[in-house]
Amino acid sequence: MPTAVCLRAELPAGATKKVFLGDKQIGLFNVRGTIYAIGNICTHAYAELHDGYVDDDDCTVDCPLHGARFDLKTGAHFTLPAMADVSRYTVSMDDTHIYLDSYEAE
């Protein structure tokens, strides 16, 4: 069952946000009106991805610490120093809330 993690008004186009789903820290990214949710901690070293540079054209985020790049659609890592992907979560919305499934998307 999806869990409400924030209000839609808290994540306008171009915004990012850190949320928690149980003990999982998840980054939300609003890219041109589409919401993406991935694990928020870089797999190379501790850095919060929601603080990184988001490329709207490529739908990627660069880790703010060492620049590893991750795909917001899949969680895949594209560049070193990251050597592993981050998790991806399924997003749903209603008129007021953003919801995440509590399991990682396949």
C-alpha atoms as a PDB file:
ATOM      1  CA  MET A   1       0.000   0.000   0.000  1.00  0.00           C
ATOM      2  CA  PRO A   2       1.462   3.395  -0.947  1.00  0.00           C
ATOM      3  CA  THR A   3       2.447   5.777   1.835  1.00  0.00           C
ATOM      4  CA  ALA A   4       1.995   9.557   1.709  1.00  0.00           C
ATOM      5  CA  VAL A   5       5.435  11.185   2.019  1.00  0.00           C
ATOM      6  CA  CYS A   6       4.709  14.862   1.330  1.00  0.00           C
ATOM      7  CA  LEU A   7       2.247  17.337  -0.073  1.00  0.00           C
ATOM      8  CA  ARG A   8       2.364  18.024  -3.809  1.00  0.00           C
ATOM      9  CA  ALA A   9       2.710  21.729  -3.019  1.00  0.00           C
ATOM     10  CA  GLU A  10       6.045  20.985  -1.303  1.00  0.00           C
ATOM     11  CA  LEU A  11       7.596  19.784  -4.577  1.00  0.00           C
ATOM     12  CA  PRO A  12       6.977  22.254  -7.433  1.00  0.00           C
ATOM     13  CA  ALA A  13       8.607  21.745 -10.837  1.00  0.00           C
ATOM     14  CA  GLY A  14      12.402  21.935 -10.516  1.00  0.00           C
ATOM     15  CA  ALA A  15      12.394  21.159  -6.788  1.00  0.00           C
ATOM     16  CA  THR A  16      13.962  18.292  -4.860  1.00  0.00           C
ATOM     17  CA  LYS A  17      13.144  16.975  -1.409  1.00  0.00           C
ATOM     18  CA  LYS A  18      14.437  14.433   1.094  1.00  0.00           C
ATOM     19  CA  VAL A  19      11.774  12.163   2.618  1.00  0.00           C
ATOM     20  CA  PHE A  20      11.812   9.059   4.772  1.00  0.00           C
ATOM     21  CA  LEU A  21       9.902   5.852   4.205  1.00  0.00           C
ATOM     22  CA  GLY A  22      10.499   3.890   7.380  1.00  0.00           C
ATOM     23  CA  ASP A  23      14.288   3.881   7.738  1.00  0.00           C
ATOM     24  CA  LYS A  24      14.898   4.508   4.016  1.00  0.00           C
ATOM     25  CA  GLN A  25      16.028   7.979   2.979  1.00  0.00           C
ATOM     26  CA  ILE A  26      14.581   8.776  -0.436  1.00  0.00           C
ATOM     27  CA  GLY A  27      15.174  11.715  -2.761  1.00  0.00           C
ATOM     28  CA  LEU A  28      12.192  13.137  -4.621  1.00  0.00           C
ATOM     29  CA  PHE A  29      12.854  15.054  -7.833  1.00  0.00           C
ATOM     30  CA  ASN A  30      10.291  17.041  -9.820  1.00  0.00           C
ATOM     31  CA  VAL A  31      11.620  17.156 -13.374  1.00  0.00           C
ATOM     32  CA  ARG A  32       9.328  19.188 -15.605  1.00  0.00           C
ATOM     33  CA  GLY A  33       6.267  18.036 -13.671  1.00  0.00           C
ATOM     34  CA  THR A  34       7.184  14.343 -13.415  1.00  0.00           C
ATOM     35  CA  ILE A  35       8.108  13.081  -9.933  1.00  0.00           C
ATOM     36  CA  TYR A  36      10.956  10.586  -9.576  1.00  0.00           C
ATOM     37  CA  ALA A  37      12.009   8.810  -6.381  1.00  0.00           C
ATOM     38  CA  ILE A  38      15.400   7.160  -5.835  1.00  0.00           C
ATOM     39  CA  GLY A  39      17.554   6.194  -2.871  1.00  0.00           C
ATOM     40  CA  ASN A  40      18.948   9.489  -1.621  1.00  0.00           C
ATOM     41  CA  ILE A  41      22.412   8.342  -0.492  1.00  0.00           C
ATOM     42  CA  CYS A  42      25.209   8.069  -3.063  1.00  0.00           C
ATOM     43  CA  THR A  43      26.597   4.542  -3.316  1.00  0.00           C
ATOM     44  CA  HIS A  44      30.186   5.801  -3.335  1.00  0.00           C
ATOM     45  CA  ALA A  45      30.331   7.935  -0.185  1.00  0.00           C
ATOM     46  CA  TYR A  46      27.746   9.489   2.087  1.00  0.00           C
ATOM     47  CA  ALA A  47      26.155  12.396   0.254  1.00  0.00           C
ATOM     48  CA  GLU A  48      22.500  13.259  -0.190  1.00  0.00           C
ATOM     49  CA  LEU A  49      21.615  13.166  -3.868  1.00  0.00           C
ATOM     50  CA  HIS A  50      18.683  15.578  -3.564  1.00  0.00           C
ATOM     51  CA  ASP A  51      21.334  18.262  -2.927  1.00  0.00           C
ATOM     52  CA  GLY A  52      23.065  17.513  -6.240  1.00  0.00           C
ATOM     53  CA  TYR A  53      22.790  19.099  -9.677  1.00  0.00           C
ATOM     54  CA  VAL A  54      19.727  17.877 -11.592  1.00  0.00           C
ATOM     55  CA  ASP A  55      19.962  17.820 -15.389  1.00  0.00           C
ATOM     56  CA  ASP A  56      16.401  18.177 -16.701  1.00  0.00           C
ATOM     57  CA  ASP A  57      17.388  17.223 -20.246  1.00  0.00           C
ATOM     58  CA  ASP A  58      19.069  13.931 -19.288  1.00  0.00           C
ATOM     59  CA  CYS A  59      16.849  13.273 -16.241  1.00  0.00           C
ATOM     60  CA  THR A  60      19.923  12.677 -14.065  1.00  0.00           C
ATOM     61  CA  VAL A  61      21.352  13.893 -10.790  1.00  0.00           C
ATOM     62  CA  ASP A  62      25.032  14.434  -9.984  1.00  0.00           C
ATOM     63  CA  CYS A  63      26.231  13.589  -6.487  1.00  0.00           C
ATOM     64  CA  PRO A  64      27.175  16.842  -4.745  1.00  0.00           C
ATOM     65  CA  LEU A  65      30.284  15.268  -3.177  1.00  0.00           C
ATOM     66  CA  HIS A  66      32.243  13.654  -6.031  1.00  0.00           C
ATOM     67  CA  GLY A  67      30.016  14.057  -9.099  1.00  0.00           C
ATOM     68  CA  ALA A  68      28.817  10.489  -9.679  1.00  0.00           C
ATOM     69  CA  ARG A  69      25.794  10.635 -11.988  1.00  0.00           C
ATOM     70  CA  PHE A  70      22.557   8.677 -11.467  1.00  0.00           C
ATOM     71  CA  ASP A  71      19.532   8.170 -13.725  1.00  0.00           C
ATOM     72  CA  LEU A  72      16.383   9.473 -12.026  1.00  0.00           C
ATOM     73  CA  LYS A  73      14.162   7.100 -14.024  1.00  0.00           C
ATOM     74  CA  THR A  74      16.014   3.882 -13.161  1.00  0.00           C
ATOM     75  CA  GLY A  75      18.490   4.606 -10.357  1.00  0.00           C
ATOM     76  CA  ALA A  76      21.351   3.381 -12.581  1.00  0.00           C
ATOM     77  CA  HIS A  77      24.789   4.899 -12.060  1.00  0.00           C
ATOM     78  CA  PHE A  78      26.518   6.315 -15.110  1.00  0.00           C
ATOM     79  CA  THR A  79      29.858   7.576 -13.846  1.00  0.00           C
ATOM     80  CA  LEU A  80      32.560   6.858 -11.325  1.00  0.00           C
ATOM     81  CA  PRO A  81      33.243   7.001  -8.500  1.00  0.00           C
ATOM     82  CA  ALA A  82      29.856   5.296  -7.920  1.00  0.00           C
ATOM     83  CA  MET A  83      30.046   1.587  -8.657  1.00  0.00           C
ATOM     84  CA  ALA A  84      26.462   0.603  -7.797  1.00  0.00           C
ATOM     85  CA  ASP A  85      22.967   1.772  -8.617  1.00  0.00           C
ATOM     86  CA  VAL A  86      20.566   3.367  -6.129  1.00  0.00           C
ATOM     87  CA  SER A  87      17.076   2.029  -5.520  1.00  0.00           C
ATOM     88  CA  ARG A  88      14.089   3.349  -7.442  1.00  0.00           C
ATOM     89  CA  TYR A  89      10.607   3.719  -5.968  1.00  0.00           C
ATOM     90  CA  THR A  90       7.187   3.847  -7.580  1.00  0.00           C
ATOM     91  CA  VAL A  91       5.480   7.236  -7.256  1.00  0.00           C
ATOM     92  CA  SER A  92       1.755   7.949  -7.262  1.00  0.00           C
ATOM     93  CA  MET A  93      -0.194  11.123  -6.522  1.00  0.00           C
ATOM     94  CA  ASP A  94      -3.635  12.418  -5.783  1.00  0.00           C
ATOM     95  CA  ASP A  95      -4.798  16.033  -5.711  1.00  0.00           C
ATOM     96  CA  THR A  96      -2.849  16.863  -2.554  1.00  0.00           C
ATOM     97  CA  HIS A  97      -0.238  14.182  -1.726  1.00  0.00           C
ATOM     98  CA  ILE A  98       2.732  12.321  -3.214  1.00  0.00           C
ATOM     99  CA  TYR A  99       2.848   8.625  -2.338  1.00  0.00           C
ATOM    100  CA  LEU A 100       5.610   6.025  -2.515  1.00  0.00           C
ATOM    101  CA  ASP A 101       5.380   2.266  -2.501  1.00  0.00           C
ATOM    102  CA  SER A 102       7.312   0.832   0.431  1.00  0.00           C
ATOM    103  CA  TYR A 103       9.229  -1.588  -1.794  1.00  0.00           C
ATOM    104  CA  GLU A 104      11.864  -0.941  -4.411  1.00  0.00           C
ATOM    105  CA  ALA A 105      10.563  -0.903  -7.991  1.00  0.00           C
ATOM    106  CA  GLU A 106      11.787  -3.597 -10.346  1.00  0.00           C
END
